[in-house]
Amino acid sequence: MTPDDGDDTDETAGSDDAGGEDDPMSMYGQPSSDEDTDGTSVQLDAPVGENTGDPETASGTFYVKYATDVSVTLHEVHTGQIFTLIENPGVENHDILEATLEAQPPMEVSYLVDELETTYTVPVERSPEPPTRQVQTAADEMDEMEAVAIDREGEGEIHVLSVDSDDVEQTAEELHEDEMTYKNAARYGVDRVEIRTDERGVVSVRYLP
């Protein structure tokens, strides 16, 4: 099938020297005694262990890594911080939340949703179209098991992975369920993700508005 040349108009080559989460390949692969106080008693304003201040809150964009009927594990997509909810506000695995969380006493290690702005999912779809010509050109210059990022005009990004030709299908299937695919979509603020493959060993992940 001839690559879709029309898709190339909004893509410009970006740097492939990214570190951490911006590296596409790294993305895809956790009482004192009286003697000590000179006999002076200490007056406490509240019982030990009781927090009289305002509870800790955290606002951000969260990825639902794991959800049951009674608890949820969230990852903040920009910081990577992990939060545990002790109530499920009606979310499922791979959902994205924009919310404010409030820590629960007395230990403040678990949270409830204090304000839920929005909950949404980002569809990850497998496209029958081959990678664009620009992606193919980039892949021709890549070594096996290498990945690069291509910028798009406006929102979104394209990740190009060079894999063994025998591993194309397995790689595409894994990317479809990989949590980083959904986290990236949330960080980029896109509406959908499209995976394209070429049997020669090219997989592209297109984050599209």
N, C-alpha and C. Protein backbone atom coordinates (compact mmCIF):
# COMPACT_ATOMS: atom_id res chain seq x y z
N MET A 1 0.85 -1.18 0.00
CA MET A 1 0.00 0.00 0.00
C MET A 1 0.88 1.23 0.00
N THR A 2 0.55 2.23 -0.77
CA THR A 2 1.35 3.45 -0.84
C THR A 2 1.13 4.29 0.39
N PRO A 3 2.22 4.80 1.08
CA PRO A 3 2.05 5.61 2.28
C PRO A 3 1.21 6.83 2.00
N ASP A 4 0.52 7.30 3.01
CA ASP A 4 -0.34 8.46 2.90
C ASP A 4 0.49 9.71 3.00
N ASP A 5 0.85 10.25 1.82
CA ASP A 5 1.75 11.41 1.80
C ASP A 5 1.09 12.64 2.38
N GLY A 6 -0.25 12.69 2.32
CA GLY A 6 -0.95 13.87 2.79
C GLY A 6 -0.79 14.09 4.28
N ASP A 7 -0.49 13.00 5.05
CA ASP A 7 -0.35 13.15 6.50
C ASP A 7 0.92 13.87 6.88
N ASP A 8 1.85 14.03 5.93
CA ASP A 8 3.16 14.55 6.28
C ASP A 8 3.18 16.06 6.41
N THR A 9 2.14 16.74 5.97
CA THR A 9 2.18 18.19 5.92
C THR A 9 2.23 18.81 7.30
N ASP A 10 1.77 18.09 8.33
CA ASP A 10 1.74 18.69 9.66
C ASP A 10 2.76 18.06 10.59
N GLU A 11 3.76 17.40 10.05
CA GLU A 11 4.76 16.76 10.87
C GLU A 11 6.14 17.32 10.50
N THR A 12 6.91 17.71 11.52
CA THR A 12 8.27 18.17 11.30
C THR A 12 9.18 17.38 12.21
N ALA A 13 10.38 17.07 11.74
CA ALA A 13 11.29 16.22 12.50
C ALA A 13 11.64 16.88 13.81
N GLY A 14 11.62 16.10 14.90
CA GLY A 14 11.98 16.60 16.21
C GLY A 14 13.21 15.90 16.71
N SER A 15 13.67 16.34 17.90
CA SER A 15 14.88 15.77 18.48
C SER A 15 14.61 14.37 18.99
N ASP A 16 15.58 13.48 18.80
CA ASP A 16 15.44 12.14 19.36
C ASP A 16 16.32 11.96 20.57
N ASP A 17 16.91 13.10 21.06
CA ASP A 17 17.78 13.02 22.22
C ASP A 17 17.01 13.46 23.44
N ALA A 18 15.99 12.68 23.79
CA ALA A 18 15.15 13.04 24.93
C ALA A 18 15.44 12.09 26.07
N GLY A 19 15.32 12.60 27.28
CA GLY A 19 15.60 11.75 28.43
C GLY A 19 14.37 11.54 29.26
N GLY A 20 14.45 10.54 30.18
CA GLY A 20 13.33 10.27 31.08
C GLY A 20 12.09 9.88 30.32
N GLU A 21 10.97 10.47 30.72
CA GLU A 21 9.70 10.08 30.12
C GLU A 21 9.55 10.59 28.70
N ASP A 22 10.42 11.55 28.29
CA ASP A 22 10.31 12.07 26.94
C ASP A 22 11.05 11.20 25.94
N ASP A 23 11.75 10.17 26.38
CA ASP A 23 12.41 9.24 25.49
C ASP A 23 11.39 8.19 25.07
N PRO A 24 11.01 8.14 23.78
CA PRO A 24 9.94 7.23 23.37
C PRO A 24 10.20 5.78 23.73
N MET A 25 11.45 5.29 23.59
CA MET A 25 11.70 3.89 23.88
C MET A 25 11.63 3.63 25.39
N SER A 26 12.11 4.57 26.18
CA SER A 26 12.04 4.37 27.63
C SER A 26 10.61 4.49 28.13
N MET A 27 9.77 5.17 27.34
CA MET A 27 8.37 5.27 27.72
C MET A 27 7.73 3.90 27.71
N TYR A 28 8.15 3.04 26.69
CA TYR A 28 7.47 1.77 26.40
C TYR A 28 8.42 0.65 26.95
N GLY A 29 8.07 0.41 27.73
CA GLY A 29 8.97 -0.84 28.32
C GLY A 29 8.24 -0.54 29.14
N GLN A 30 7.88 2.51 40.66
CA GLN A 30 7.45 2.47 40.97
C GLN A 30 7.39 3.57 42.66
N PRO A 31 8.08 10.03 73.90
CA PRO A 31 7.97 11.29 74.78
C PRO A 31 9.14 11.49 75.76
N SER A 32 9.47 12.67 75.76
CA SER A 32 10.64 12.89 76.63
C SER A 32 10.32 12.66 78.11
N SER A 33 11.35 12.30 78.93
CA SER A 33 11.15 12.09 80.36
C SER A 33 11.22 13.43 81.09
N ASP A 34 10.82 13.41 82.41
CA ASP A 34 10.91 14.63 83.21
C ASP A 34 12.35 15.07 83.33
N GLU A 35 13.28 14.12 83.38
CA GLU A 35 14.69 14.46 83.52
C GLU A 35 15.16 15.24 82.30
N ASP A 36 14.70 14.85 81.13
CA ASP A 36 15.11 15.52 79.90
C ASP A 36 14.54 16.92 79.81
N THR A 37 13.38 17.17 80.47
CA THR A 37 12.71 18.46 80.31
C THR A 37 12.75 19.28 81.60
N ASP A 38 13.64 18.89 82.52
CA ASP A 38 13.76 19.58 83.80
C ASP A 38 12.45 19.59 84.58
N GLY A 39 11.64 18.54 84.38
CA GLY A 39 10.42 18.40 85.14
C GLY A 39 9.27 19.25 84.65
N THR A 40 9.48 20.00 83.58
CA THR A 40 8.42 20.87 83.07
C THR A 40 7.51 20.08 82.15
N SER A 41 6.21 20.13 82.43
CA SER A 41 5.28 19.40 81.58
C SER A 41 5.02 20.18 80.30
N VAL A 42 4.72 19.45 79.23
CA VAL A 42 4.45 20.06 77.93
C VAL A 42 2.97 20.02 77.67
N GLN A 43 2.37 21.17 77.39
CA GLN A 43 0.95 21.24 77.12
C GLN A 43 0.71 21.07 75.62
N LEU A 44 -0.13 20.11 75.26
CA LEU A 44 -0.45 19.86 73.87
C LEU A 44 -1.79 20.47 73.53
N ASP A 45 -1.86 21.10 72.36
CA ASP A 45 -3.11 21.71 71.92
C ASP A 45 -4.09 20.68 71.39
N ALA A 46 -3.58 19.50 70.99
CA ALA A 46 -4.44 18.45 70.45
C ALA A 46 -3.80 17.12 70.75
N PRO A 47 -4.57 16.05 70.81
CA PRO A 47 -4.00 14.72 71.05
C PRO A 47 -2.94 14.39 70.03
N VAL A 48 -1.93 13.61 70.47
CA VAL A 48 -0.86 13.20 69.58
C VAL A 48 -1.44 12.46 68.38
N GLY A 49 -0.97 12.80 67.21
CA GLY A 49 -1.42 12.11 66.01
C GLY A 49 -2.59 12.78 65.34
N GLU A 50 -3.21 13.76 66.01
CA GLU A 50 -4.36 14.44 65.41
C GLU A 50 -3.89 15.66 64.64
N ASN A 51 -4.23 15.75 63.38
CA ASN A 51 -3.84 16.87 62.54
C ASN A 51 -4.94 17.92 62.57
N THR A 52 -4.61 19.09 63.16
CA THR A 52 -5.62 20.13 63.29
C THR A 52 -5.59 21.11 62.13
N GLY A 53 -4.65 20.97 61.21
CA GLY A 53 -4.56 21.85 60.06
C GLY A 53 -5.45 21.37 58.93
N ASP A 54 -5.44 22.14 57.84
CA ASP A 54 -6.21 21.75 56.67
C ASP A 54 -5.60 20.50 56.04
N PRO A 55 -6.42 19.59 55.53
CA PRO A 55 -5.88 18.37 54.91
C PRO A 55 -5.12 18.70 53.64
N GLU A 56 -4.15 17.87 53.34
CA GLU A 56 -3.36 18.04 52.12
C GLU A 56 -4.25 17.79 50.89
N THR A 57 -4.05 18.59 49.86
CA THR A 57 -4.77 18.38 48.61
C THR A 57 -3.78 18.30 47.46
N ALA A 58 -4.22 17.68 46.38
CA ALA A 58 -3.39 17.57 45.18
C ALA A 58 -4.29 17.72 43.96
N SER A 59 -3.96 18.66 43.10
CA SER A 59 -4.72 18.88 41.87
C SER A 59 -3.87 18.52 40.67
N GLY A 60 -4.49 17.94 39.66
CA GLY A 60 -3.73 17.59 38.47
C GLY A 60 -4.51 16.72 37.52
N THR A 61 -3.76 16.12 36.61
CA THR A 61 -4.32 15.18 35.63
C THR A 61 -3.83 13.80 36.00
N PHE A 62 -4.74 12.87 36.21
CA PHE A 62 -4.40 11.57 36.77
C PHE A 62 -4.81 10.45 35.81
N TYR A 63 -3.92 9.48 35.70
CA TYR A 63 -4.19 8.26 34.93
C TYR A 63 -4.61 7.15 35.88
N VAL A 64 -5.68 6.43 35.53
CA VAL A 64 -6.15 5.32 36.36
C VAL A 64 -5.36 4.07 36.00
N LYS A 65 -4.42 3.74 36.86
CA LYS A 65 -3.60 2.55 36.62
C LYS A 65 -4.33 1.28 37.01
N TYR A 66 -5.09 1.35 38.09
CA TYR A 66 -5.76 0.15 38.60
C TYR A 66 -7.02 0.58 39.33
N ALA A 67 -8.13 -0.07 39.02
CA ALA A 67 -9.39 0.30 39.66
C ALA A 67 -10.19 -0.93 40.04
N THR A 68 -10.71 -0.92 41.28
CA THR A 68 -11.67 -1.93 41.73
C THR A 68 -12.92 -1.17 42.19
N ASP A 69 -13.88 -1.90 42.71
CA ASP A 69 -15.10 -1.25 43.18
C ASP A 69 -14.85 -0.35 44.39
N VAL A 70 -13.80 -0.65 45.14
CA VAL A 70 -13.60 0.07 46.40
C VAL A 70 -12.30 0.87 46.48
N SER A 71 -11.42 0.76 45.52
CA SER A 71 -10.17 1.51 45.57
C SER A 71 -9.64 1.76 44.16
N VAL A 72 -8.79 2.79 44.06
CA VAL A 72 -8.23 3.18 42.77
C VAL A 72 -6.78 3.62 42.97
N THR A 73 -5.91 3.21 42.07
CA THR A 73 -4.54 3.70 42.07
C THR A 73 -4.38 4.68 40.91
N LEU A 74 -3.94 5.90 41.23
CA LEU A 74 -3.78 6.96 40.25
C LEU A 74 -2.32 7.34 40.09
N HIS A 75 -1.93 7.72 38.88
CA HIS A 75 -0.63 8.32 38.61
C HIS A 75 -0.85 9.72 38.07
N GLU A 76 -0.23 10.73 38.67
CA GLU A 76 -0.30 12.08 38.12
C GLU A 76 0.60 12.08 36.88
N VAL A 77 0.07 12.46 35.72
CA VAL A 77 0.77 12.21 34.46
C VAL A 77 1.96 13.12 34.25
N HIS A 78 2.02 14.26 34.94
CA HIS A 78 3.13 15.18 34.76
C HIS A 78 4.26 14.94 35.76
N THR A 79 3.91 14.50 36.97
CA THR A 79 4.92 14.32 38.02
C THR A 79 5.25 12.86 38.28
N GLY A 80 4.33 11.94 37.91
CA GLY A 80 4.54 10.53 38.20
C GLY A 80 4.15 10.14 39.61
N GLN A 81 3.66 11.10 40.43
CA GLN A 81 3.29 10.79 41.80
C GLN A 81 2.11 9.83 41.84
N ILE A 82 2.14 8.92 42.81
CA ILE A 82 1.12 7.88 42.94
C ILE A 82 0.17 8.23 44.09
N PHE A 83 -1.13 8.06 43.84
CA PHE A 83 -2.15 8.31 44.86
C PHE A 83 -3.08 7.11 44.94
N THR A 84 -3.52 6.80 46.15
CA THR A 84 -4.49 5.72 46.36
C THR A 84 -5.81 6.30 46.85
N LEU A 85 -6.87 6.06 46.08
CA LEU A 85 -8.21 6.47 46.50
C LEU A 85 -8.86 5.34 47.28
N ILE A 86 -9.57 5.68 48.35
CA ILE A 86 -10.26 4.66 49.13
C ILE A 86 -11.73 4.54 48.73
N GLU A 87 -12.13 5.29 47.72
CA GLU A 87 -13.44 5.13 47.10
C GLU A 87 -13.28 5.30 45.60
N ASN A 88 -14.01 4.51 44.83
CA ASN A 88 -13.97 4.63 43.38
C ASN A 88 -15.06 5.61 42.94
N PRO A 89 -14.67 6.73 42.31
CA PRO A 89 -15.67 7.72 41.88
C PRO A 89 -16.37 7.35 40.58
N GLY A 90 -16.18 6.09 40.13
CA GLY A 90 -16.83 5.64 38.90
C GLY A 90 -15.89 5.58 37.71
N VAL A 91 -14.62 5.22 37.96
CA VAL A 91 -13.63 5.17 36.88
C VAL A 91 -13.18 3.74 36.63
N GLU A 92 -12.56 3.54 35.47
CA GLU A 92 -12.04 2.24 35.08
C GLU A 92 -10.57 2.39 34.66
N ASN A 93 -9.91 1.25 34.50
CA ASN A 93 -8.52 1.26 34.06
C ASN A 93 -8.38 2.05 32.76
N HIS A 94 -7.29 2.82 32.65
CA HIS A 94 -6.94 3.65 31.49
C HIS A 94 -7.71 4.96 31.41
N ASP A 95 -8.67 5.20 32.33
CA ASP A 95 -9.37 6.50 32.32
C ASP A 95 -8.41 7.61 32.73
N ILE A 96 -8.77 8.84 32.37
CA ILE A 96 -8.02 10.03 32.76
C ILE A 96 -8.94 10.92 33.57
N LEU A 97 -8.43 11.45 34.70
CA LEU A 97 -9.20 12.35 35.54
C LEU A 97 -8.48 13.69 35.65
N GLU A 98 -9.23 14.75 35.59
CA GLU A 98 -8.74 16.06 35.99
C GLU A 98 -9.49 16.39 37.28
N ALA A 99 -8.75 16.43 38.38
CA ALA A 99 -9.43 16.46 39.68
C ALA A 99 -8.54 17.05 40.76
N THR A 100 -9.18 17.32 41.89
CA THR A 100 -8.47 17.69 43.12
C THR A 100 -8.73 16.59 44.14
N LEU A 101 -7.66 16.08 44.71
CA LEU A 101 -7.75 15.01 45.70
C LEU A 101 -7.51 15.59 47.09
N GLU A 102 -8.14 14.97 48.10
CA GLU A 102 -7.95 15.42 49.48
C GLU A 102 -7.50 14.25 50.34
N ALA A 103 -6.39 14.44 51.05
CA ALA A 103 -5.85 13.39 51.92
C ALA A 103 -6.79 13.14 53.09
N GLN A 104 -6.85 11.88 53.52
CA GLN A 104 -7.77 11.49 54.58
C GLN A 104 -7.03 11.24 55.89
N PRO A 105 -7.57 11.78 57.00
CA PRO A 105 -6.94 11.57 58.31
C PRO A 105 -7.13 10.13 58.76
N PRO A 106 -6.33 9.68 59.76
CA PRO A 106 -5.34 10.50 60.46
C PRO A 106 -3.96 10.50 59.79
N MET A 107 -3.65 9.49 58.98
CA MET A 107 -2.31 9.36 58.43
C MET A 107 -2.10 10.18 57.16
N GLU A 108 -3.19 10.50 56.46
CA GLU A 108 -3.15 11.27 55.22
C GLU A 108 -2.27 10.60 54.15
N VAL A 109 -2.42 9.27 54.05
CA VAL A 109 -1.70 8.53 53.00
C VAL A 109 -2.65 8.01 51.94
N SER A 110 -3.95 8.17 52.18
CA SER A 110 -4.95 7.79 51.20
C SER A 110 -5.83 9.01 50.93
N TYR A 111 -6.56 8.96 49.80
CA TYR A 111 -7.25 10.16 49.33
C TYR A 111 -8.68 9.86 48.91
N LEU A 112 -9.47 10.93 48.87
CA LEU A 112 -10.78 10.94 48.23
C LEU A 112 -10.79 12.06 47.20
N VAL A 113 -11.66 11.92 46.20
CA VAL A 113 -11.80 12.99 45.21
C VAL A 113 -12.61 14.11 45.84
N ASP A 114 -11.98 15.28 45.96
CA ASP A 114 -12.67 16.44 46.53
C ASP A 114 -13.44 17.19 45.45
N GLU A 115 -12.83 17.34 44.27
CA GLU A 115 -13.49 18.01 43.15
C GLU A 115 -13.11 17.31 41.85
N LEU A 116 -14.10 16.83 41.14
CA LEU A 116 -13.87 16.13 39.88
C LEU A 116 -14.29 17.04 38.73
N GLU A 117 -13.30 17.54 38.00
CA GLU A 117 -13.60 18.43 36.88
C GLU A 117 -14.10 17.66 35.67
N THR A 118 -13.37 16.60 35.32
CA THR A 118 -13.80 15.81 34.17
C THR A 118 -13.15 14.44 34.22
N THR A 119 -13.82 13.48 33.61
CA THR A 119 -13.28 12.13 33.43
C THR A 119 -13.46 11.77 31.97
N TYR A 120 -12.42 11.22 31.36
CA TYR A 120 -12.53 10.87 29.95
C TYR A 120 -11.61 9.70 29.62
N THR A 121 -11.84 9.14 28.46
CA THR A 121 -10.96 8.09 27.95
C THR A 121 -10.36 8.56 26.64
N VAL A 122 -9.18 8.07 26.33
CA VAL A 122 -8.52 8.37 25.05
C VAL A 122 -8.52 7.09 24.23
N PRO A 123 -9.26 7.04 23.13
CA PRO A 123 -9.26 5.83 22.32
C PRO A 123 -7.91 5.58 21.68
N VAL A 124 -7.44 4.34 21.77
CA VAL A 124 -6.21 3.91 21.11
C VAL A 124 -6.61 2.93 20.02
N GLU A 125 -6.39 3.31 18.77
CA GLU A 125 -6.89 2.54 17.65
C GLU A 125 -5.75 2.05 16.75
N ARG A 126 -5.98 0.91 16.15
CA ARG A 126 -5.04 0.35 15.18
C ARG A 126 -5.51 0.77 13.78
N SER A 127 -4.67 1.47 13.04
CA SER A 127 -5.04 1.95 11.71
C SER A 127 -4.57 0.97 10.64
N PRO A 128 -5.39 0.75 9.60
CA PRO A 128 -4.95 -0.09 8.48
C PRO A 128 -3.98 0.63 7.56
N GLU A 129 -3.85 1.95 7.71
CA GLU A 129 -2.94 2.72 6.88
C GLU A 129 -1.49 2.46 7.29
N PRO A 130 -0.56 2.49 6.34
CA PRO A 130 0.86 2.32 6.69
C PRO A 130 1.41 3.61 7.29
N PRO A 131 2.56 3.55 7.92
CA PRO A 131 3.21 4.77 8.40
C PRO A 131 3.44 5.74 7.24
N THR A 132 3.42 7.04 7.54
CA THR A 132 3.60 8.04 6.50
C THR A 132 5.01 7.96 5.92
N ARG A 133 5.19 8.63 4.80
CA ARG A 133 6.49 8.62 4.14
C ARG A 133 7.56 9.22 5.04
N GLN A 134 7.22 10.28 5.78
CA GLN A 134 8.20 10.89 6.67
C GLN A 134 8.61 9.93 7.78
N VAL A 135 7.65 9.18 8.30
CA VAL A 135 7.96 8.18 9.32
C VAL A 135 8.85 7.10 8.74
N GLN A 136 8.53 6.64 7.52
CA GLN A 136 9.35 5.61 6.88
C GLN A 136 10.77 6.10 6.66
N THR A 137 10.92 7.35 6.25
CA THR A 137 12.25 7.92 6.03
C THR A 137 13.04 7.96 7.33
N ALA A 138 12.37 8.36 8.41
CA ALA A 138 13.04 8.39 9.71
C ALA A 138 13.45 6.99 10.14
N ALA A 139 12.57 6.01 9.90
CA ALA A 139 12.84 4.63 10.31
C ALA A 139 14.02 4.05 9.54
N ASP A 140 14.19 4.47 8.28
CA ASP A 140 15.30 3.96 7.48
C ASP A 140 16.66 4.32 8.07
N GLU A 141 16.70 5.38 8.87
CA GLU A 141 17.96 5.83 9.46
C GLU A 141 18.13 5.36 10.90
N MET A 142 17.20 4.54 11.36
CA MET A 142 17.23 4.09 12.75
C MET A 142 17.79 2.67 12.87
N ASP A 143 18.41 2.40 13.99
CA ASP A 143 18.84 1.05 14.30
C ASP A 143 17.67 0.29 14.92
N GLU A 144 17.74 -1.03 14.88
CA GLU A 144 16.70 -1.84 15.50
C GLU A 144 16.64 -1.59 16.99
N MET A 145 15.44 -1.56 17.55
CA MET A 145 15.18 -1.27 18.95
C MET A 145 15.50 0.18 19.31
N GLU A 146 15.42 1.05 18.34
CA GLU A 146 15.60 2.48 18.57
C GLU A 146 14.25 3.17 18.39
N ALA A 147 14.11 4.32 19.02
CA ALA A 147 12.87 5.09 18.88
C ALA A 147 13.20 6.57 18.78
N VAL A 148 12.41 7.30 18.00
CA VAL A 148 12.56 8.74 17.89
C VAL A 148 11.18 9.38 17.97
N ALA A 149 11.16 10.67 18.23
CA ALA A 149 9.92 11.43 18.27
C ALA A 149 9.91 12.43 17.13
N ILE A 150 8.76 12.57 16.49
CA ILE A 150 8.56 13.55 15.43
C ILE A 150 7.49 14.51 15.91
N ASP A 151 7.81 15.80 15.89
CA ASP A 151 6.84 16.81 16.32
C ASP A 151 5.77 17.01 15.26
N ARG A 152 4.60 17.41 15.74
CA ARG A 152 3.52 17.79 14.84
C ARG A 152 3.24 19.28 15.03
N GLU A 153 2.76 19.94 13.99
CA GLU A 153 2.34 21.32 14.15
C GLU A 153 1.09 21.32 15.03
N GLY A 154 1.09 22.17 16.03
CA GLY A 154 -0.01 22.17 16.97
C GLY A 154 0.19 21.10 18.02
N GLU A 155 -0.91 20.52 18.48
CA GLU A 155 -0.85 19.53 19.54
C GLU A 155 -0.46 18.16 19.00
N GLY A 156 0.11 17.35 19.89
CA GLY A 156 0.39 15.98 19.53
C GLY A 156 1.85 15.72 19.18
N GLU A 157 2.12 14.47 18.95
CA GLU A 157 3.48 14.03 18.66
C GLU A 157 3.38 12.65 18.02
N ILE A 158 4.46 12.25 17.34
CA ILE A 158 4.50 10.93 16.73
C ILE A 158 5.75 10.22 17.21
N HIS A 159 5.59 9.01 17.72
CA HIS A 159 6.71 8.20 18.15
C HIS A 159 6.93 7.10 17.13
N VAL A 160 8.18 6.95 16.72
CA VAL A 160 8.54 5.96 15.71
C VAL A 160 9.44 4.93 16.37
N LEU A 161 9.05 3.66 16.29
CA LEU A 161 9.83 2.58 16.87
C LEU A 161 10.31 1.65 15.76
N SER A 162 11.58 1.31 15.80
CA SER A 162 12.15 0.34 14.87
C SER A 162 12.35 -0.97 15.62
N VAL A 163 11.66 -2.02 15.17
CA VAL A 163 11.72 -3.32 15.84
C VAL A 163 12.03 -4.41 14.82
N ASP A 164 12.31 -5.61 15.30
CA ASP A 164 12.48 -6.74 14.40
C ASP A 164 11.17 -6.98 13.65
N SER A 165 11.30 -7.33 12.39
CA SER A 165 10.09 -7.52 11.57
C SER A 165 9.16 -8.58 12.15
N ASP A 166 9.71 -9.55 12.88
CA ASP A 166 8.88 -10.59 13.49
C ASP A 166 8.13 -10.10 14.72
N ASP A 167 8.52 -8.93 15.24
CA ASP A 167 7.93 -8.43 16.48
C ASP A 167 6.94 -7.29 16.26
N VAL A 168 6.64 -6.99 15.00
CA VAL A 168 5.78 -5.84 14.71
C VAL A 168 4.41 -6.00 15.36
N GLU A 169 3.75 -7.13 15.14
CA GLU A 169 2.40 -7.32 15.65
C GLU A 169 2.37 -7.33 17.17
N GLN A 170 3.32 -8.02 17.77
CA GLN A 170 3.36 -8.07 19.24
C GLN A 170 3.59 -6.68 19.82
N THR A 171 4.49 -5.91 19.20
CA THR A 171 4.76 -4.55 19.68
C THR A 171 3.51 -3.69 19.60
N ALA A 172 2.80 -3.77 18.49
CA ALA A 172 1.58 -2.99 18.32
C ALA A 172 0.53 -3.35 19.37
N GLU A 173 0.40 -4.65 19.67
CA GLU A 173 -0.57 -5.09 20.67
C GLU A 173 -0.17 -4.59 22.06
N GLU A 174 1.11 -4.64 22.38
CA GLU A 174 1.56 -4.19 23.69
C GLU A 174 1.37 -2.69 23.85
N LEU A 175 1.62 -1.92 22.79
CA LEU A 175 1.43 -0.48 22.86
C LEU A 175 -0.03 -0.12 23.09
N HIS A 176 -0.92 -0.95 22.58
CA HIS A 176 -2.35 -0.70 22.73
C HIS A 176 -2.76 -0.75 24.20
N GLU A 177 -2.07 -1.56 25.01
CA GLU A 177 -2.41 -1.71 26.42
C GLU A 177 -1.39 -1.06 27.35
N ASP A 178 -0.32 -0.49 26.79
CA ASP A 178 0.74 0.08 27.62
C ASP A 178 0.24 1.36 28.30
N GLU A 179 0.46 1.45 29.61
CA GLU A 179 -0.01 2.63 30.34
C GLU A 179 0.63 3.92 29.84
N MET A 180 1.88 3.84 29.33
CA MET A 180 2.54 5.05 28.86
C MET A 180 1.85 5.62 27.64
N THR A 181 1.21 4.79 26.83
CA THR A 181 0.46 5.30 25.68
C THR A 181 -0.64 6.24 26.16
N TYR A 182 -1.34 5.86 27.21
CA TYR A 182 -2.43 6.67 27.73
C TYR A 182 -1.90 7.88 28.51
N LYS A 183 -0.83 7.70 29.25
CA LYS A 183 -0.25 8.83 29.98
C LYS A 183 0.26 9.89 29.00
N ASN A 184 0.91 9.45 27.94
CA ASN A 184 1.39 10.41 26.94
C ASN A 184 0.22 11.19 26.34
N ALA A 185 -0.85 10.48 26.01
CA ALA A 185 -2.02 11.14 25.44
C ALA A 185 -2.55 12.20 26.39
N ALA A 186 -2.57 11.91 27.68
CA ALA A 186 -3.05 12.88 28.67
C ALA A 186 -2.09 14.06 28.77
N ARG A 187 -0.80 13.79 28.76
CA ARG A 187 0.18 14.87 28.87
C ARG A 187 0.14 15.78 27.65
N TYR A 188 -0.06 15.20 26.46
CA TYR A 188 -0.09 16.00 25.24
C TYR A 188 -1.44 16.68 25.04
N GLY A 189 -2.44 16.28 25.79
CA GLY A 189 -3.76 16.87 25.65
C GLY A 189 -4.45 16.52 24.36
N VAL A 190 -4.26 15.28 23.86
CA VAL A 190 -4.84 14.88 22.59
C VAL A 190 -6.12 14.07 22.81
N ASP A 191 -6.86 13.87 21.70
CA ASP A 191 -8.15 13.20 21.78
C ASP A 191 -8.11 11.73 21.39
N ARG A 192 -7.07 11.33 20.64
CA ARG A 192 -7.02 9.95 20.20
C ARG A 192 -5.58 9.55 19.87
N VAL A 193 -5.36 8.24 19.83
CA VAL A 193 -4.05 7.69 19.50
C VAL A 193 -4.23 6.68 18.38
N GLU A 194 -3.36 6.75 17.40
CA GLU A 194 -3.43 5.86 16.25
C GLU A 194 -2.11 5.12 16.09
N ILE A 195 -2.19 3.80 15.99
CA ILE A 195 -0.99 2.98 15.82
C ILE A 195 -0.95 2.47 14.39
N ARG A 196 0.17 2.72 13.69
CA ARG A 196 0.36 2.22 12.34
C ARG A 196 1.61 1.32 12.31
N THR A 197 1.61 0.36 11.43
CA THR A 197 2.73 -0.58 11.35
C THR A 197 3.15 -0.81 9.91
N ASP A 198 4.38 -1.24 9.77
CA ASP A 198 4.92 -1.70 8.49
C ASP A 198 5.64 -3.01 8.75
N GLU A 199 5.40 -3.99 7.90
CA GLU A 199 5.94 -5.33 8.14
C GLU A 199 7.46 -5.37 8.12
N ARG A 200 8.10 -4.33 7.63
CA ARG A 200 9.57 -4.30 7.62
C ARG A 200 10.15 -4.03 9.01
N GLY A 201 9.29 -3.66 9.97
CA GLY A 201 9.77 -3.44 11.33
C GLY A 201 9.57 -2.03 11.83
N VAL A 202 8.52 -1.36 11.33
CA VAL A 202 8.25 0.01 11.74
C VAL A 202 6.90 0.08 12.45
N VAL A 203 6.89 0.71 13.61
CA VAL A 203 5.66 0.96 14.36
C VAL A 203 5.62 2.44 14.69
N SER A 204 4.52 3.11 14.33
CA SER A 204 4.39 4.51 14.70
C SER A 204 3.17 4.68 15.59
N VAL A 205 3.34 5.53 16.62
CA VAL A 205 2.27 5.85 17.54
C VAL A 205 1.96 7.32 17.36
N ARG A 206 0.79 7.61 16.84
CA ARG A 206 0.41 8.98 16.48
C ARG A 206 -0.56 9.53 17.52
N TYR A 207 -0.12 10.59 18.24
CA TYR A 207 -0.94 11.26 19.23
C TYR A 207 -1.59 12.45 18.55
N LEU A 208 -2.91 12.36 18.36
CA LEU A 208 -3.61 13.28 17.46
C LEU A 208 -4.71 14.06 18.17
N PRO A 209 -4.86 15.35 17.83
CA PRO A 209 -5.94 16.16 18.42
C PRO A 209 -7.30 15.75 17.84
